[in-house]
Amino acid sequence: MLELDLRGSKIIRWFFRLRGAPLLFDPKWLFNLKKLRTGGLGLTLQELLKSGFVNLATKPNEELLLGLIGQFWRPGGEIQRVDIDEFRNFRTPGFAKAVWNFSLSKVSDDWTVLSTETRIQCLDDNSRKKFKRYWSVIQPFSGLIRKEALRIIKKQAEKSYF
């Protein structure tokens, strides 16, 4: 999980670029070209942290918990760069907080289950309504990204194990 590298996934690269496409319609579009090439988000754990995610917790061989604050329904996402304490205390209306985890559960000596979950907290009714509309469109694609991330992590883990 700590060596997360999604660069090898054409699906994830395409979805991240698609997520950044509305930036072309922003009056500052030249400024946004670099962001558009990567979709504004990173494809490795370090790049995710540089793009606005904050590491909320790392339990070696158990869980990785990442947080992100923004207005995800807006073209640029309005990502807020915060540290862990600012994340915990952030209460500004008009924003949402997202928490993304990767969790390992050992079933036996030879079998470990990797899962992921995303939780969202909208900080007021207006942001909740906007997020709900956004999520109704983006949900299937978000699910594909998470499944692809799990597939890549599994492949990387098995490659290093065998």
C-alpha atoms as a PDB file:
ATOM      1  CA  MET A   1       0.000   0.000   0.000  1.00  0.00           C
ATOM      2  CA  LEU A   2       2.824   2.377   0.854  1.00  0.00           C
ATOM      3  CA  GLU A   3       4.367   1.722  -2.560  1.00  0.00           C
ATOM      4  CA  LEU A   4       1.115   2.608  -4.314  1.00  0.00           C
ATOM      5  CA  ASP A   5       1.855   3.316  -7.980  1.00  0.00           C
ATOM      6  CA  LEU A   6      -1.101   3.707 -10.303  1.00  0.00           C
ATOM      7  CA  ARG A   7       0.940   5.010 -13.269  1.00  0.00           C
ATOM      8  CA  GLY A   8       0.737   1.635 -15.012  1.00  0.00           C
ATOM      9  CA  SER A   9      -3.045   1.804 -15.275  1.00  0.00           C
ATOM     10  CA  LYS A  10      -4.345   3.321 -18.484  1.00  0.00           C
ATOM     11  CA  ILE A  11      -7.847   3.342 -16.969  1.00  0.00           C
ATOM     12  CA  ILE A  12      -6.834   5.410 -13.948  1.00  0.00           C
ATOM     13  CA  ARG A  13      -4.656   7.788 -15.997  1.00  0.00           C
ATOM     14  CA  TRP A  14      -7.576   8.331 -18.404  1.00  0.00           C
ATOM     15  CA  PHE A  15     -10.111   8.959 -15.620  1.00  0.00           C
ATOM     16  CA  PHE A  16      -7.775  11.369 -13.809  1.00  0.00           C
ATOM     17  CA  ARG A  17      -7.224  13.302 -17.052  1.00  0.00           C
ATOM     18  CA  LEU A  18     -10.955  13.312 -17.719  1.00  0.00           C
ATOM     19  CA  ARG A  19     -11.507  14.675 -14.194  1.00  0.00           C
ATOM     20  CA  GLY A  20      -9.200  17.579 -15.059  1.00  0.00           C
ATOM     21  CA  ALA A  21     -10.720  18.295 -18.496  1.00  0.00           C
ATOM     22  CA  PRO A  22     -13.124  21.018 -17.254  1.00  0.00           C
ATOM     23  CA  LEU A  23     -10.044  23.067 -16.383  1.00  0.00           C
ATOM     24  CA  LEU A  24      -9.717  23.792 -20.122  1.00  0.00           C
ATOM     25  CA  PHE A  25     -12.791  26.004 -19.827  1.00  0.00           C
ATOM     26  CA  ASP A  26     -11.259  28.004 -16.996  1.00  0.00           C
ATOM     27  CA  PRO A  27     -10.039  31.487 -18.088  1.00  0.00           C
ATOM     28  CA  LYS A  28      -6.594  30.528 -16.700  1.00  0.00           C
ATOM     29  CA  TRP A  29      -6.443  27.469 -18.987  1.00  0.00           C
ATOM     30  CA  LEU A  30      -2.748  27.885 -19.876  1.00  0.00           C
ATOM     31  CA  PHE A  31      -1.921  27.695 -16.175  1.00  0.00           C
ATOM     32  CA  ASN A  32      -4.007  24.529 -15.969  1.00  0.00           C
ATOM     33  CA  LEU A  33      -2.329  22.597 -18.823  1.00  0.00           C
ATOM     34  CA  LYS A  34       0.213  20.928 -16.522  1.00  0.00           C
ATOM     35  CA  LYS A  35      -2.581  20.020 -14.113  1.00  0.00           C
ATOM     36  CA  LEU A  36      -4.637  18.595 -16.983  1.00  0.00           C
ATOM     37  CA  ARG A  37      -1.816  16.276 -18.090  1.00  0.00           C
ATOM     38  CA  THR A  38      -1.936  14.469 -14.743  1.00  0.00           C
ATOM     39  CA  GLY A  39      -5.568  15.130 -13.940  1.00  0.00           C
ATOM     40  CA  GLY A  40      -4.424  17.281 -11.033  1.00  0.00           C
ATOM     41  CA  LEU A  41      -3.980  14.245  -8.805  1.00  0.00           C
ATOM     42  CA  GLY A  42      -0.960  12.059  -8.362  1.00  0.00           C
ATOM     43  CA  LEU A  43      -0.601   8.452  -9.365  1.00  0.00           C
ATOM     44  CA  THR A  44       1.796   7.407  -6.602  1.00  0.00           C
ATOM     45  CA  LEU A  45       1.330   7.810  -2.852  1.00  0.00           C
ATOM     46  CA  GLN A  46       3.909  10.622  -2.765  1.00  0.00           C
ATOM     47  CA  GLU A  47       2.228  12.427  -5.673  1.00  0.00           C
ATOM     48  CA  LEU A  48      -1.187  12.060  -4.004  1.00  0.00           C
ATOM     49  CA  LEU A  49       0.243  13.656  -0.862  1.00  0.00           C
ATOM     50  CA  LYS A  50       1.743  16.504  -2.922  1.00  0.00           C
ATOM     51  CA  SER A  51      -1.589  17.092  -4.713  1.00  0.00           C
ATOM     52  CA  GLY A  52      -3.535  17.737  -1.501  1.00  0.00           C
ATOM     53  CA  PHE A  53      -4.143  14.398   0.196  1.00  0.00           C
ATOM     54  CA  VAL A  54      -2.999  14.213   3.807  1.00  0.00           C
ATOM     55  CA  ASN A  55      -1.812  11.016   5.492  1.00  0.00           C
ATOM     56  CA  LEU A  56      -4.204  10.679   8.413  1.00  0.00           C
ATOM     57  CA  ALA A  57      -2.825   7.366   9.686  1.00  0.00           C
ATOM     58  CA  THR A  58      -0.477   4.597   8.707  1.00  0.00           C
ATOM     59  CA  LYS A  59      -0.542   1.309  10.566  1.00  0.00           C
ATOM     60  CA  PRO A  60       2.158  -0.867   8.967  1.00  0.00           C
ATOM     61  CA  ASN A  61       0.713  -4.083   7.538  1.00  0.00           C
ATOM     62  CA  GLU A  62      -2.808  -2.982   8.561  1.00  0.00           C
ATOM     63  CA  GLU A  63      -4.103   0.297   7.145  1.00  0.00           C
ATOM     64  CA  LEU A  64      -3.353   3.461   5.217  1.00  0.00           C
ATOM     65  CA  LEU A  65      -5.800   6.343   5.709  1.00  0.00           C
ATOM     66  CA  LEU A  66      -5.746   9.391   3.409  1.00  0.00           C
ATOM     67  CA  GLY A  67      -7.830  12.555   3.654  1.00  0.00           C
ATOM     68  CA  LEU A  68      -8.766  15.253   1.148  1.00  0.00           C
ATOM     69  CA  ILE A  69     -10.806  18.447   1.461  1.00  0.00           C
ATOM     70  CA  GLY A  70     -12.402  20.192  -1.476  1.00  0.00           C
ATOM     71  CA  GLN A  71     -15.406  21.113  -3.521  1.00  0.00           C
ATOM     72  CA  PHE A  72     -15.185  17.973  -5.612  1.00  0.00           C
ATOM     73  CA  TRP A  73     -18.201  18.942  -7.738  1.00  0.00           C
ATOM     74  CA  ARG A  74     -16.334  22.004  -9.102  1.00  0.00           C
ATOM     75  CA  PRO A  75     -14.054  21.704 -12.166  1.00  0.00           C
ATOM     76  CA  GLY A  76     -10.817  22.335 -10.260  1.00  0.00           C
ATOM     77  CA  GLY A  77     -11.989  20.584  -7.113  1.00  0.00           C
ATOM     78  CA  GLU A  78     -10.960  23.567  -4.933  1.00  0.00           C
ATOM     79  CA  ILE A  79      -8.601  21.228  -3.051  1.00  0.00           C
ATOM     80  CA  GLN A  80      -7.502  22.660   0.295  1.00  0.00           C
ATOM     81  CA  ARG A  81      -3.909  22.014   1.293  1.00  0.00           C
ATOM     82  CA  VAL A  82      -3.973  21.210   4.993  1.00  0.00           C
ATOM     83  CA  ASP A  83      -2.008  19.270   7.555  1.00  0.00           C
ATOM     84  CA  ILE A  84      -3.492  16.528   9.721  1.00  0.00           C
ATOM     85  CA  ASP A  85      -4.675  18.866  12.503  1.00  0.00           C
ATOM     86  CA  GLU A  86      -6.227  21.309  10.036  1.00  0.00           C
ATOM     87  CA  PHE A  87      -7.987  18.367   8.368  1.00  0.00           C
ATOM     88  CA  ARG A  88      -9.495  17.222  11.653  1.00  0.00           C
ATOM     89  CA  ASN A  89     -10.658  20.730  12.573  1.00  0.00           C
ATOM     90  CA  PHE A  90     -11.834  21.903   9.126  1.00  0.00           C
ATOM     91  CA  ARG A  91     -15.501  22.969   9.294  1.00  0.00           C
ATOM     92  CA  THR A  92     -15.884  25.551   6.494  1.00  0.00           C
ATOM     93  CA  PRO A  93     -19.345  25.409   4.900  1.00  0.00           C
ATOM     94  CA  GLY A  94     -19.379  24.757   1.159  1.00  0.00           C
ATOM     95  CA  PHE A  95     -16.735  22.023   1.334  1.00  0.00           C
ATOM     96  CA  ALA A  96     -16.603  18.265   1.762  1.00  0.00           C
ATOM     97  CA  LYS A  97     -14.048  16.075   3.480  1.00  0.00           C
ATOM     98  CA  ALA A  98     -13.130  12.714   1.951  1.00  0.00           C
ATOM     99  CA  VAL A  99     -11.330   9.861   3.674  1.00  0.00           C
ATOM    100  CA  TRP A 100      -9.916   7.004   1.583  1.00  0.00           C
ATOM    101  CA  ASN A 101      -8.507   3.922   3.252  1.00  0.00           C
ATOM    102  CA  PHE A 102      -6.686   0.776   2.242  1.00  0.00           C
ATOM    103  CA  SER A 103      -6.988  -1.954   4.832  1.00  0.00           C
ATOM    104  CA  LEU A 104      -5.311  -5.362   5.179  1.00  0.00           C
ATOM    105  CA  SER A 105      -6.936  -8.239   7.051  1.00  0.00           C
ATOM    106  CA  LYS A 106      -4.912 -11.407   7.553  1.00  0.00           C
ATOM    107  CA  VAL A 107      -7.117 -14.470   7.025  1.00  0.00           C
ATOM    108  CA  SER A 108      -4.388 -17.123   7.292  1.00  0.00           C
ATOM    109  CA  ASP A 109      -0.624 -17.461   6.881  1.00  0.00           C
ATOM    110  CA  ASP A 110      -1.119 -17.569   3.112  1.00  0.00           C
ATOM    111  CA  TRP A 111      -4.132 -15.314   2.652  1.00  0.00           C
ATOM    112  CA  THR A 112      -4.604 -11.568   3.236  1.00  0.00           C
ATOM    113  CA  VAL A 113      -7.581  -9.501   2.131  1.00  0.00           C
ATOM    114  CA  LEU A 114      -7.014  -5.967   0.868  1.00  0.00           C
ATOM    115  CA  SER A 115     -10.020  -3.635   0.857  1.00  0.00           C
ATOM    116  CA  THR A 116     -10.661   0.035   0.260  1.00  0.00           C
ATOM    117  CA  GLU A 117     -13.407   2.387   1.314  1.00  0.00           C
ATOM    118  CA  THR A 118     -14.151   6.053   0.712  1.00  0.00           C
ATOM    119  CA  ARG A 119     -16.217   8.158   3.091  1.00  0.00           C
ATOM    120  CA  ILE A 120     -17.472  11.679   2.524  1.00  0.00           C
ATOM    121  CA  GLN A 121     -18.582  14.322   5.001  1.00  0.00           C
ATOM    122  CA  CYS A 122     -20.312  17.340   3.469  1.00  0.00           C
ATOM    123  CA  LEU A 123     -20.013  20.315   5.767  1.00  0.00           C
ATOM    124  CA  ASP A 124     -23.418  21.883   5.085  1.00  0.00           C
ATOM    125  CA  ASP A 125     -26.706  21.189   3.285  1.00  0.00           C
ATOM    126  CA  ASN A 126     -25.729  23.107   0.145  1.00  0.00           C
ATOM    127  CA  SER A 127     -22.489  21.139  -0.317  1.00  0.00           C
ATOM    128  CA  ARG A 128     -24.415  17.916   0.405  1.00  0.00           C
ATOM    129  CA  LYS A 129     -26.841  18.680  -2.458  1.00  0.00           C
ATOM    130  CA  LYS A 130     -24.021  19.554  -4.855  1.00  0.00           C
ATOM    131  CA  PHE A 131     -22.030  16.477  -3.903  1.00  0.00           C
ATOM    132  CA  LYS A 132     -25.072  14.245  -4.325  1.00  0.00           C
ATOM    133  CA  ARG A 133     -25.544  15.456  -7.930  1.00  0.00           C
ATOM    134  CA  TYR A 134     -21.810  15.087  -8.616  1.00  0.00           C
ATOM    135  CA  TRP A 135     -21.732  11.593  -7.072  1.00  0.00           C
ATOM    136  CA  SER A 136     -24.697  10.408  -9.151  1.00  0.00           C
ATOM    137  CA  VAL A 137     -22.506  10.916 -12.238  1.00  0.00           C
ATOM    138  CA  ILE A 138     -19.054  10.011 -10.918  1.00  0.00           C
ATOM    139  CA  GLN A 139     -19.870   6.998  -8.699  1.00  0.00           C
ATOM    140  CA  PRO A 140     -19.399   4.234 -11.312  1.00  0.00           C
ATOM    141  CA  PHE A 141     -16.071   5.699 -12.407  1.00  0.00           C
ATOM    142  CA  SER A 142     -14.892   6.079  -8.819  1.00  0.00           C
ATOM    143  CA  GLY A 143     -15.708   2.415  -8.253  1.00  0.00           C
ATOM    144  CA  LEU A 144     -13.658   1.420 -11.305  1.00  0.00           C
ATOM    145  CA  ILE A 145     -10.699   3.443 -10.049  1.00  0.00           C
ATOM    146  CA  ARG A 146     -10.835   1.760  -6.634  1.00  0.00           C
ATOM    147  CA  LYS A 147     -11.118  -1.731  -8.184  1.00  0.00           C
ATOM    148  CA  GLU A 148      -8.207  -0.966 -10.493  1.00  0.00           C
ATOM    149  CA  ALA A 149      -6.128   0.326  -7.567  1.00  0.00           C
ATOM    150  CA  LEU A 150      -6.802  -2.903  -5.636  1.00  0.00           C
ATOM    151  CA  ARG A 151      -5.868  -4.969  -8.698  1.00  0.00           C
ATOM    152  CA  ILE A 152      -2.572  -3.091  -9.102  1.00  0.00           C
ATOM    153  CA  ILE A 153      -1.648  -3.375  -5.412  1.00  0.00           C
ATOM    154  CA  LYS A 154      -2.454  -7.109  -5.499  1.00  0.00           C
ATOM    155  CA  LYS A 155      -0.310  -7.578  -8.605  1.00  0.00           C
ATOM    156  CA  GLN A 156       2.601  -5.652  -7.069  1.00  0.00           C
ATOM    157  CA  ALA A 157       2.351  -7.595  -3.786  1.00  0.00           C
ATOM    158  CA  GLU A 158       2.228 -10.971  -5.522  1.00  0.00           C
ATOM    159  CA  LYS A 159       5.146 -10.024  -7.763  1.00  0.00           C
ATOM    160  CA  SER A 160       7.329  -9.195  -4.758  1.00  0.00           C
ATOM    161  CA  TYR A 161       6.114 -12.266  -2.821  1.00  0.00           C
ATOM    162  CA  PHE A 162       6.625 -14.879  -5.518  1.00  0.00           C
END
